[in-house]
PDB file of N, CA and C in Angstrom:
ATOM      1  N   MET A   1       5.580  -5.670  19.409  1.00  0.00           N
ATOM      2  CA  MET A   1       6.147  -5.189  18.263  1.00  0.00           C
ATOM      3  C   MET A   1       5.176  -4.532  17.106  1.00  0.00           C
ATOM      4  N   SER A   2       4.187  -5.233  16.831  1.00  0.00           N
ATOM      5  CA  SER A   2       3.122  -5.221  15.512  1.00  0.00           C
ATOM      6  C   SER A   2       2.414  -3.774  16.076  1.00  0.00           C
ATOM      7  N   ASP A   3       2.378  -3.425  17.006  1.00  0.00           N
ATOM      8  CA  ASP A   3       2.000  -2.098  17.143  1.00  0.00           C
ATOM      9  C   ASP A   3       2.731  -0.820  16.996  1.00  0.00           C
ATOM     10  N   PHE A   4       3.855  -1.062  17.322  1.00  0.00           N
ATOM     11  CA  PHE A   4       4.904  -0.146  16.732  1.00  0.00           C
ATOM     12  C   PHE A   4       4.668  -0.091  15.095  1.00  0.00           C
ATOM     13  N   THR A   5       5.050  -1.446  14.170  1.00  0.00           N
ATOM     14  CA  THR A   5       4.758  -1.581  12.985  1.00  0.00           C
ATOM     15  C   THR A   5       3.695  -0.736  12.337  1.00  0.00           C
ATOM     16  N   ASP A   6       2.312  -0.592  13.304  1.00  0.00           N
ATOM     17  CA  ASP A   6       1.445  -0.236  12.653  1.00  0.00           C
ATOM     18  C   ASP A   6       1.419   1.191  12.769  1.00  0.00           C
ATOM     19  N   LEU A   7       2.127   1.516  13.961  1.00  0.00           N
ATOM     20  CA  LEU A   7       2.378   3.262  13.844  1.00  0.00           C
ATOM     21  C   LEU A   7       2.981   3.833  13.109  1.00  0.00           C
ATOM     22  N   VAL A   8       4.040   3.122  12.513  1.00  0.00           N
ATOM     23  CA  VAL A   8       5.212   3.515  11.814  1.00  0.00           C
ATOM     24  C   VAL A   8       4.144   3.773  10.461  1.00  0.00           C
ATOM     25  N   ALA A   9       3.648   2.187  10.040  1.00  0.00           N
ATOM     26  CA  ALA A   9       2.806   2.251   8.873  1.00  0.00           C
ATOM     27  C   ALA A   9       1.763   3.390   8.720  1.00  0.00           C
ATOM     28  N   ARG A  10       1.419   3.823   9.701  1.00  0.00           N
ATOM     29  CA  ARG A  10       0.005   4.977   9.771  1.00  0.00           C
ATOM     30  C   ARG A  10       0.961   6.308   9.251  1.00  0.00           C
ATOM     31  N   ALA A  11       2.143   6.685   9.786  1.00  0.00           N
ATOM     32  CA  ALA A  11       3.114   7.470   9.626  1.00  0.00           C
ATOM     33  C   ALA A  11       3.293   8.165   8.118  1.00  0.00           C
ATOM     34  N   VAL A  12       3.444   6.902   7.454  1.00  0.00           N
ATOM     35  CA  VAL A  12       4.122   6.754   5.847  1.00  0.00           C
ATOM     36  C   VAL A  12       2.665   6.515   4.957  1.00  0.00           C
ATOM     37  N   SER A  13       3.065   7.260   3.605  1.00  0.00           N
ATOM     38  CA  SER A  13       1.972   6.719   2.524  1.00  0.00           C
ATOM     39  C   SER A  13       2.495   6.499   1.512  1.00  0.00           C
ATOM     40  N   PRO A  14       2.014   5.640   0.952  1.00  0.00           N
ATOM     41  CA  PRO A  14       2.707   5.147  -0.561  1.00  0.00           C
ATOM     42  C   PRO A  14       2.792   6.426  -1.582  1.00  0.00           C
ATOM     43  N   ALA A  15       1.755   7.507  -0.969  1.00  0.00           N
ATOM     44  CA  ALA A  15       1.821   8.751  -2.106  1.00  0.00           C
ATOM     45  C   ALA A  15       3.204   9.340  -1.919  1.00  0.00           C
ATOM     46  N   MET A  16       3.882   8.964  -0.948  1.00  0.00           N
ATOM     47  CA  MET A  16       4.788   9.979  -0.328  1.00  0.00           C
ATOM     48  C   MET A  16       6.192   9.464  -0.982  1.00  0.00           C
ATOM     49  N   SER A  17       7.546  10.502  -1.450  1.00  0.00           N
ATOM     50  CA  SER A  17       8.382  10.123  -2.247  1.00  0.00           C
ATOM     51  C   SER A  17       9.413   9.662  -0.613  1.00  0.00           C
ATOM     52  N   ARG A  18      10.148   8.539  -1.741  1.00  0.00           N
ATOM     53  CA  ARG A  18      11.115   7.715  -0.676  1.00  0.00           C
ATOM     54  C   ARG A  18      11.953   8.729   0.489  1.00  0.00           C
ATOM     55  N   GLU A  19      11.964  10.237  -0.083  1.00  0.00           N
ATOM     56  CA  GLU A  19      12.867  10.699   1.053  1.00  0.00           C
ATOM     57  C   GLU A  19      11.886  11.480   1.816  1.00  0.00           C
ATOM     58  N   GLU A  20      10.740  11.305   1.783  1.00  0.00           N
ATOM     59  CA  GLU A  20       9.918  12.061   2.613  1.00  0.00           C
ATOM     60  C   GLU A  20       9.385  10.708   3.733  1.00  0.00           C
ATOM     61  N   ARG A  21       8.913   9.919   3.328  1.00  0.00           N
ATOM     62  CA  ARG A  21       9.361   8.545   4.092  1.00  0.00           C
ATOM     63  C   ARG A  21      10.650   8.383   4.831  1.00  0.00           C
ATOM     64  N   GLU A  22      11.765   8.789   4.294  1.00  0.00           N
ATOM     65  CA  GLU A  22      12.922   8.392   5.055  1.00  0.00           C
ATOM     66  C   GLU A  22      12.971   9.559   6.137  1.00  0.00           C
ATOM     67  N   ALA A  23      12.353  10.361   5.884  1.00  0.00           N
ATOM     68  CA  ALA A  23      12.251  11.863   7.027  1.00  0.00           C
ATOM     69  C   ALA A  23      11.583  11.400   8.177  1.00  0.00           C
ATOM     70  N   VAL A  24      10.388  10.648   7.806  1.00  0.00           N
ATOM     71  CA  VAL A  24       9.655   9.900   9.029  1.00  0.00           C
ATOM     72  C   VAL A  24      10.311   8.626   9.375  1.00  0.00           C
ATOM     73  N   TYR A  25      11.007   7.904   9.254  1.00  0.00           N
ATOM     74  CA  TYR A  25      11.798   7.326   9.642  1.00  0.00           C
ATOM     75  C   TYR A  25      13.008   7.979  10.517  1.00  0.00           C
ATOM     76  N   GLN A  26      13.371   8.935   9.731  1.00  0.00           N
ATOM     77  CA  GLN A  26      14.582   9.879  10.972  1.00  0.00           C
ATOM     78  C   GLN A  26      13.591  10.428  12.093  1.00  0.00           C
ATOM     79  N   VAL A  27      12.715  10.406  12.081  1.00  0.00           N
ATOM     80  CA  VAL A  27      11.976  10.954  13.255  1.00  0.00           C
ATOM     81  C   VAL A  27      11.987   9.942  14.307  1.00  0.00           C
ATOM     82  N   VAL A  28      11.164   8.694  13.653  1.00  0.00           N
ATOM     83  CA  VAL A  28      11.164   7.522  14.739  1.00  0.00           C
ATOM     84  C   VAL A  28      12.803   7.136  15.413  1.00  0.00           C
ATOM     85  N   LYS A  29      13.773   7.455  14.493  1.00  0.00           N
ATOM     86  CA  LYS A  29      14.941   6.891  15.255  1.00  0.00           C
ATOM     87  C   LYS A  29      15.256   7.737  16.026  1.00  0.00           C
ATOM     88  N   GLN A  30      14.875   8.976  15.931  1.00  0.00           N
ATOM     89  CA  GLN A  30      15.256  10.054  16.887  1.00  0.00           C
ATOM     90  C   GLN A  30      14.712  10.086  18.449  1.00  0.00           C
ATOM     91  N   ALA A  31      13.249   9.751  18.417  1.00  0.00           N
ATOM     92  CA  ALA A  31      12.523   9.487  19.457  1.00  0.00           C
ATOM     93  C   ALA A  31      13.087   8.329  20.049  1.00  0.00           C
ATOM     94  N   MET A  32      13.722   7.295  19.324  1.00  0.00           N
ATOM     95  CA  MET A  32      13.867   6.185  20.200  1.00  0.00           C
ATOM     96  C   MET A  32      15.410   6.372  20.737  1.00  0.00           C
ATOM     97  N   ARG A  33      16.156   7.129  20.247  1.00  0.00           N
ATOM     98  CA  ARG A  33      17.359   7.328  20.864  1.00  0.00           C
ATOM     99  C   ARG A  33      16.960   8.682  21.932  1.00  0.00           C
ATOM    100  N   ARG A  34      15.915   9.460  22.099  1.00  0.00           N
ATOM    101  CA  ARG A  34      15.684  10.266  22.860  1.00  0.00           C
ATOM    102  C   ARG A  34      14.988   9.317  24.292  1.00  0.00           C
ATOM    103  N   LEU A  35      14.532   8.377  24.088  1.00  0.00           N
ATOM    104  CA  LEU A  35      13.726   7.900  24.885  1.00  0.00           C
ATOM    105  C   LEU A  35      14.929   6.593  25.555  1.00  0.00           C
ATOM    106  N   GLN A  36      15.990   6.469  24.981  1.00  0.00           N
ATOM    107  CA  GLN A  36      16.887   5.783  25.561  1.00  0.00           C
ATOM    108  C   GLN A  36      18.148   6.439  26.292  1.00  0.00           C
ATOM    109  N   GLU A  37      18.177   7.735  26.059  1.00  0.00           N
ATOM    110  CA  GLU A  37      18.710   8.620  26.629  1.00  0.00           C
ATOM    111  C   GLU A  37      17.964   8.915  28.247  1.00  0.00           C
ATOM    112  N   ARG A  38      16.892   9.316  28.230  1.00  0.00           N
ATOM    113  CA  ARG A  38      15.849   9.379  28.616  1.00  0.00           C
ATOM    114  C   ARG A  38      15.854   8.263  30.071  1.00  0.00           C
ATOM    115  N   GLU A  39      16.210   7.118  29.641  1.00  0.00           N
ATOM    116  CA  GLU A  39      16.274   5.942  30.615  1.00  0.00           C
ATOM    117  C   GLU A  39      17.844   6.007  30.897  1.00  0.00           C
ATOM    118  N   ASN A  40      18.866   6.742  30.660  1.00  0.00           N
ATOM    119  CA  ASN A  40      20.134   6.215  30.685  1.00  0.00           C
ATOM    120  C   ASN A  40      20.647   5.156  29.972  1.00  0.00           C
ATOM    121  N   LEU A  41      20.232   4.678  28.958  1.00  0.00           N
ATOM    122  CA  LEU A  41      20.691   3.506  28.049  1.00  0.00           C
ATOM    123  C   LEU A  41      21.761   3.716  27.477  1.00  0.00           C
ATOM    124  N   PRO A  42      22.881   3.617  27.575  1.00  0.00           N
ATOM    125  CA  PRO A  42      23.870   4.006  26.701  1.00  0.00           C
ATOM    126  C   PRO A  42      24.106   2.719  25.480  1.00  0.00           C
ATOM    127  N   PRO A  43      24.413   3.580  24.230  1.00  0.00           N
ATOM    128  CA  PRO A  43      24.270   3.077  23.052  1.00  0.00           C
ATOM    129  C   PRO A  43      24.586   1.762  22.876  1.00  0.00           C
ATOM    130  N   GLU A  44      25.565   1.377  23.604  1.00  0.00           N
ATOM    131  CA  GLU A  44      26.172   0.046  23.114  1.00  0.00           C
ATOM    132  C   GLU A  44      25.336  -1.121  24.273  1.00  0.00           C
ATOM    133  N   ASP A  45      24.425  -0.363  25.093  1.00  0.00           N
ATOM    134  CA  ASP A  45      23.940  -1.501  25.404  1.00  0.00           C
ATOM    135  C   ASP A  45      23.110  -2.252  24.972  1.00  0.00           C
ATOM    136  N   PRO A  46      23.131  -3.867  25.026  1.00  0.00           N
ATOM    137  CA  PRO A  46      22.716  -4.631  24.462  1.00  0.00           C
ATOM    138  C   PRO A  46      21.046  -4.233  24.017  1.00  0.00           C
ATOM    139  N   ARG A  47      20.437  -3.774  25.465  1.00  0.00           N
ATOM    140  CA  ARG A  47      18.743  -3.627  24.876  1.00  0.00           C
ATOM    141  C   ARG A  47      18.892  -2.218  24.077  1.00  0.00           C
ATOM    142  N   ALA A  48      19.649  -1.439  24.037  1.00  0.00           N
ATOM    143  CA  ALA A  48      19.700  -0.191  23.265  1.00  0.00           C
ATOM    144  C   ALA A  48      19.925  -0.854  21.619  1.00  0.00           C
ATOM    145  N   LEU A  49      20.663  -1.832  21.736  1.00  0.00           N
ATOM    146  CA  LEU A  49      21.259  -2.289  20.284  1.00  0.00           C
ATOM    147  C   LEU A  49      19.806  -3.101  19.833  1.00  0.00           C
ATOM    148  N   LEU A  50      19.324  -3.828  20.777  1.00  0.00           N
ATOM    149  CA  LEU A  50      17.853  -4.830  20.101  1.00  0.00           C
ATOM    150  C   LEU A  50      17.073  -3.746  20.025  1.00  0.00           C
ATOM    151  N   GLN A  51      16.647  -2.699  20.417  1.00  0.00           N
ATOM    152  CA  GLN A  51      15.568  -1.259  20.181  1.00  0.00           C
ATOM    153  C   GLN A  51      15.800  -0.651  19.061  1.00  0.00           C
ATOM    154  N   ALA A  52      17.210  -0.624  18.933  1.00  0.00           N
ATOM    155  CA  ALA A  52      17.678  -0.112  17.596  1.00  0.00           C
ATOM    156  C   ALA A  52      17.633  -1.118  16.029  1.00  0.00           C
ATOM    157  N   HIS A  53      17.747  -2.355  16.445  1.00  0.00           N
ATOM    158  CA  HIS A  53      17.431  -3.382  15.374  1.00  0.00           C
ATOM    159  C   HIS A  53      15.998  -3.686  15.232  1.00  0.00           C
ATOM    160  N   LEU A  54      15.087  -3.611  16.029  1.00  0.00           N
ATOM    161  CA  LEU A  54      13.862  -3.818  15.918  1.00  0.00           C
ATOM    162  C   LEU A  54      13.007  -2.496  15.137  1.00  0.00           C
ATOM    163  N   VAL A  55      13.753  -1.465  15.451  1.00  0.00           N
ATOM    164  CA  VAL A  55      13.498  -0.176  14.581  1.00  0.00           C
ATOM    165  C   VAL A  55      13.606  -0.295  13.454  1.00  0.00           C
ATOM    166  N   GLU A  56      15.255  -0.500  12.832  1.00  0.00           N
ATOM    167  CA  GLU A  56      15.161  -1.026  11.549  1.00  0.00           C
ATOM    168  C   GLU A  56      14.532  -2.054  10.823  1.00  0.00           C
ATOM    169  N   GLU A  57      14.392  -3.117  11.520  1.00  0.00           N
ATOM    170  CA  GLU A  57      13.613  -4.106  10.978  1.00  0.00           C
ATOM    171  C   GLU A  57      11.998  -3.579  10.793  1.00  0.00           C
ATOM    172  N   THR A  58      11.332  -2.762  11.626  1.00  0.00           N
ATOM    173  CA  THR A  58      10.166  -2.270  11.415  1.00  0.00           C
ATOM    174  C   THR A  58       9.882  -1.395   9.898  1.00  0.00           C
ATOM    175  N   ILE A  59      11.154  -0.541  10.172  1.00  0.00           N
ATOM    176  CA  ILE A  59      11.080   0.232   8.639  1.00  0.00           C
ATOM    177  C   ILE A  59      11.197  -0.412   7.380  1.00  0.00           C
ATOM    178  N   ARG A  60      12.374  -1.527   7.570  1.00  0.00           N
ATOM    179  CA  ARG A  60      11.882  -2.605   6.371  1.00  0.00           C
ATOM    180  C   ARG A  60      11.043  -3.347   5.842  1.00  0.00           C
ATOM    181  N   ASP A  61       9.786  -3.419   6.996  1.00  0.00           N
ATOM    182  CA  ASP A  61       8.560  -4.266   7.172  1.00  0.00           C
ATOM    183  C   ASP A  61       7.854  -3.140   5.934  1.00  0.00           C
ATOM    184  N   VAL A  62       7.495  -1.823   6.893  1.00  0.00           N
ATOM    185  CA  VAL A  62       6.811  -0.748   6.104  1.00  0.00           C
ATOM    186  C   VAL A  62       7.200  -0.531   4.932  1.00  0.00           C
ATOM    187  N   GLU A  63       8.689  -0.930   4.467  1.00  0.00           N
ATOM    188  CA  GLU A  63       9.216  -0.783   3.172  1.00  0.00           C
ATOM    189  C   GLU A  63       8.590  -1.367   1.918  1.00  0.00           C
ATOM    190  N   ALA A  64       8.738  -2.216   2.746  1.00  0.00           N
ATOM    191  CA  ALA A  64       7.925  -3.869   2.088  1.00  0.00           C
ATOM    192  C   ALA A  64       6.687  -3.363   1.651  1.00  0.00           C
ATOM    193  N   LEU A  65       5.876  -3.360   2.647  1.00  0.00           N
ATOM    194  CA  LEU A  65       4.386  -3.069   2.955  1.00  0.00           C
ATOM    195  C   LEU A  65       4.273  -1.864   1.131  1.00  0.00           C
ATOM    196  N   VAL A  66       4.992  -0.697   1.588  1.00  0.00           N
ATOM    197  CA  VAL A  66       4.487  -0.126   0.941  1.00  0.00           C
ATOM    198  C   VAL A  66       5.207   0.051  -0.832  1.00  0.00           C
ATOM    199  N   THR A  67       6.072  -1.111  -1.089  1.00  0.00           N
ATOM    200  CA  THR A  67       7.023  -1.261  -2.415  1.00  0.00           C
ATOM    201  C   THR A  67       5.983  -2.560  -2.940  1.00  0.00           C
ATOM    202  N   ARG A  68       5.429  -3.211  -2.044  1.00  0.00           N
ATOM    203  CA  ARG A  68       4.465  -4.321  -2.462  1.00  0.00           C
ATOM    204  C   ARG A  68       2.874  -3.833  -3.036  1.00  0.00           C
ATOM    205  N   TYR A  69       2.574  -2.376  -2.369  1.00  0.00           N
ATOM    206  CA  TYR A  69       1.520  -1.905  -2.561  1.00  0.00           C
ATOM    207  C   TYR A  69       1.627  -1.099  -4.003  1.00  0.00           C
ATOM    208  N   LEU A  70       2.768  -0.231  -4.017  1.00  0.00           N
ATOM    209  CA  LEU A  70       3.070   0.470  -5.412  1.00  0.00           C
ATOM    210  C   LEU A  70       3.165  -0.837  -6.653  1.00  0.00           C
ATOM    211  N   ALA A  71       3.781  -1.742  -6.423  1.00  0.00           N
ATOM    212  CA  ALA A  71       3.669  -2.928  -7.225  1.00  0.00           C
ATOM    213  C   ALA A  71       2.215  -3.565  -7.956  1.00  0.00           C
ATOM    214  N   ARG A  72       1.532  -3.347  -6.848  1.00  0.00           N
ATOM    215  CA  ARG A  72       0.301  -3.960  -7.174  1.00  0.00           C
ATOM    216  C   ARG A  72      -0.754  -3.036  -8.114  1.00  0.00           C
ATOM    217  N   GLN A  73      -0.667  -1.506  -7.590  1.00  0.00           N
ATOM    218  CA  GLN A  73      -1.163  -0.257  -8.406  1.00  0.00           C
ATOM    219  C   GLN A  73      -0.648  -0.703  -9.405  1.00  0.00           C
ATOM    220  N   THR A  74       0.519  -0.749 -10.012  1.00  0.00           N
ATOM    221  CA  THR A  74       1.265  -0.847 -11.587  1.00  0.00           C
ATOM    222  C   THR A  74       0.555  -1.882 -12.246  1.00  0.00           C
ATOM    223  N   ILE A  75       0.399  -3.041 -11.665  1.00  0.00           N
ATOM    224  CA  ILE A  75      -0.275  -4.272 -12.083  1.00  0.00           C
ATOM    225  C   ILE A  75      -1.562  -4.252 -12.497  1.00  0.00           C
ATOM    226  N   LEU A  76      -2.049  -3.352 -11.511  1.00  0.00           N
ATOM    227  CA  LEU A  76      -3.840  -2.916 -11.759  1.00  0.00           C
ATOM    228  C   LEU A  76      -3.667  -2.141 -12.995  1.00  0.00           C
ATOM    229  N   ALA A  77      -3.004  -0.828 -13.127  1.00  0.00           N
ATOM    230  CA  ALA A  77      -3.186   0.123 -13.991  1.00  0.00           C
ATOM    231  C   ALA A  77      -2.816  -0.539 -15.236  1.00  0.00           C
ATOM    232  N   ALA A  78      -1.845  -1.837 -15.643  1.00  0.00           N
ATOM    233  CA  ALA A  78      -1.463  -2.137 -16.416  1.00  0.00           C
ATOM    234  C   ALA A  78      -2.533  -3.121 -17.211  1.00  0.00           C
ATOM    235  N   GLU A  79      -3.458  -3.903 -16.039  1.00  0.00           N
ATOM    236  CA  GLU A  79      -4.608  -4.675 -16.564  1.00  0.00           C
ATOM    237  C   GLU A  79      -5.817  -3.931 -16.709  1.00  0.00           C
ATOM    238  N   ARG A  80      -6.022  -2.795 -16.519  1.00  0.00           N
ATOM    239  CA  ARG A  80      -7.234  -1.744 -16.931  1.00  0.00           C
ATOM    240  C   ARG A  80      -6.485  -1.717 -18.398  1.00  0.00           C
ATOM    241  N   ALA A  81      -5.346  -0.847 -18.290  1.00  0.00           N
ATOM    242  CA  ALA A  81      -5.074  -0.208 -20.036  1.00  0.00           C
ATOM    243  C   ALA A  81      -5.173  -1.354 -20.786  1.00  0.00           C
ATOM    244  N   ASN A  82      -4.718  -2.971 -20.441  1.00  0.00           N
ATOM    245  CA  ASN A  82      -4.855  -3.764 -21.405  1.00  0.00           C
ATOM    246  C   ASN A  82      -6.420  -4.089 -21.688  1.00  0.00           C
ATOM    247  N   ALA A  83      -7.036  -4.012 -20.638  1.00  0.00           N
ATOM    248  CA  ALA A  83      -8.597  -4.536 -20.652  1.00  0.00           C
ATOM    249  C   ALA A  83      -9.281  -3.341 -21.995  1.00  0.00           C
ATOM    250  N   ALA A  84      -8.781  -2.147 -21.520  1.00  0.00           N
ATOM    251  CA  ALA A  84      -9.256  -1.117 -22.413  1.00  0.00           C
ATOM    252  C   ALA A  84      -8.691  -1.194 -24.261  1.00  0.00           C
ATOM    253  N   ALA A  85      -7.540  -1.707 -24.256  1.00  0.00           N
ATOM    254  CA  ALA A  85      -6.887  -2.194 -25.184  1.00  0.00           C
ATOM    255  C   ALA A  85      -7.795  -3.022 -25.994  1.00  0.00           C
ATOM    256  N   ASN A  86      -8.151  -3.968 -25.170  1.00  0.00           N
ATOM    257  CA  ASN A  86      -8.557  -5.165 -25.826  1.00  0.00           C
ATOM    258  C   ASN A  86     -10.128  -5.339 -26.120  1.00  0.00           C
ATOM    259  N   ALA A  87     -10.985  -4.032 -25.428  1.00  0.00           N
ATOM    260  CA  ALA A  87     -12.180  -3.572 -25.641  1.00  0.00           C
ATOM    261  C   ALA A  87     -12.428  -2.710 -26.860  1.00  0.00           C
ATOM    262  N   ALA A  88     -11.227  -2.043 -27.257  1.00  0.00           N
ATOM    263  CA  ALA A  88     -11.421  -1.037 -28.294  1.00  0.00           C
ATOM    264  C   ALA A  88     -10.841  -2.038 -29.510  1.00  0.00           C
ATOM    265  N   ALA A  89     -10.141  -2.941 -29.311  1.00  0.00           N
ATOM    266  CA  ALA A  89      -9.861  -3.755 -30.539  1.00  0.00           C
ATOM    267  C   ALA A  89     -10.795  -4.563 -31.125  1.00  0.00           C
ATOM    268  N   ALA A  90     -11.673  -4.992 -29.725  1.00  0.00           N
ATOM    269  CA  ALA A  90     -12.943  -5.557 -30.173  1.00  0.00           C
ATOM    270  C   ALA A  90     -13.859  -5.140 -30.700  1.00  0.00           C
ATOM    271  N   ASN A  91     -13.746  -3.457 -30.579  1.00  0.00           N
ATOM    272  CA  ASN A  91     -15.102  -2.482 -31.314  1.00  0.00           C
ATOM    273  C   ASN A  91     -14.540  -2.085 -32.691  1.00  0.00           C
ATOM    274  N   GLY A  92     -13.363  -2.620 -33.012  1.00  0.00           N
ATOM    275  CA  GLY A  92     -12.603  -2.080 -34.271  1.00  0.00           C
ATOM    276  C   GLY A  92     -12.175  -0.792 -34.273  1.00  0.00           C
ATOM    277  N   GLU A  93     -11.855  -0.114 -32.972  1.00  0.00           N
ATOM    278  CA  GLU A  93     -11.087   1.301 -32.918  1.00  0.00           C
ATOM    279  C   GLU A  93      -9.393   0.898 -32.985  1.00  0.00           C
ATOM    280  N   ALA A  94      -9.021   2.221 -33.618  1.00  0.00           N
ATOM    281  CA  ALA A  94      -7.855   1.987 -33.544  1.00  0.00           C
ATOM    282  C   ALA A  94      -7.019   2.123 -31.844  1.00  0.00           C
ATOM    283  N   VAL A  95      -5.823   1.209 -31.788  1.00  0.00           N
ATOM    284  CA  VAL A  95      -5.644   1.197 -30.344  1.00  0.00           C
ATOM    285  C   VAL A  95      -4.271   1.767 -30.530  1.00  0.00           C
ATOM    286  N   THR A  96      -3.761   2.781 -29.457  1.00  0.00           N
ATOM    287  CA  THR A  96      -2.586   3.252 -29.515  1.00  0.00           C
ATOM    288  C   THR A  96      -2.067   2.950 -27.837  1.00  0.00           C
ATOM    289  N   PRO A  97      -0.637   2.166 -28.044  1.00  0.00           N
ATOM    290  CA  PRO A  97       0.069   2.003 -26.833  1.00  0.00           C
ATOM    291  C   PRO A  97      -0.050   3.115 -25.744  1.00  0.00           C
ATOM    292  N   PRO A  98      -0.214   2.581 -24.319  1.00  0.00           N
ATOM    293  CA  PRO A  98       0.290   3.581 -23.372  1.00  0.00           C
ATOM    294  C   PRO A  98       1.788   4.180 -23.496  1.00  0.00           C
ATOM    295  N   PRO A  99       1.931   5.239 -22.615  1.00  0.00           N
ATOM    296  CA  PRO A  99       3.129   5.524 -22.945  1.00  0.00           C
ATOM    297  C   PRO A  99       4.132   4.365 -21.863  1.00  0.00           C
ATOM    298  N   SER A 100       5.440   4.561 -22.211  1.00  0.00           N
ATOM    299  CA  SER A 100       6.277   3.754 -21.586  1.00  0.00           C
ATOM    300  C   SER A 100       6.954   4.527 -20.463  1.00  0.00           C
ATOM    301  N   ASP A 101       7.140   3.681 -19.359  1.00  0.00           N
ATOM    302  CA  ASP A 101       7.657   4.246 -18.116  1.00  0.00           C
ATOM    303  C   ASP A 101       8.990   4.259 -18.253  1.00  0.00           C
ATOM    304  N   ALA A 102       9.455   3.472 -18.889  1.00  0.00           N
ATOM    305  CA  ALA A 102      11.188   3.200 -19.196  1.00  0.00           C
ATOM    306  C   ALA A 102      11.807   4.394 -19.714  1.00  0.00           C
TER     307      ALA A 102
END
């Protein structure tokens, strides 16, 4: 399943909005359902249910990776701003706080 996770992870990007990523996930789910239909696998079949569960689990894993990446980028930006403010203060320059996202 890790190949599948890699495939889904490559289809999305942290630069995409949540809605754009959700559209990719919907395409993945549709593809899975089409494959199940092609194999004459009814939706209530345990194998189909397992496949659906694994797709949902993969989507959660990919979203967790995206969230971790975005959080790390936020932390790095805050660290850079802090370092710049400390450098400016050390040089006796006026320090203006960065705008708040809140």
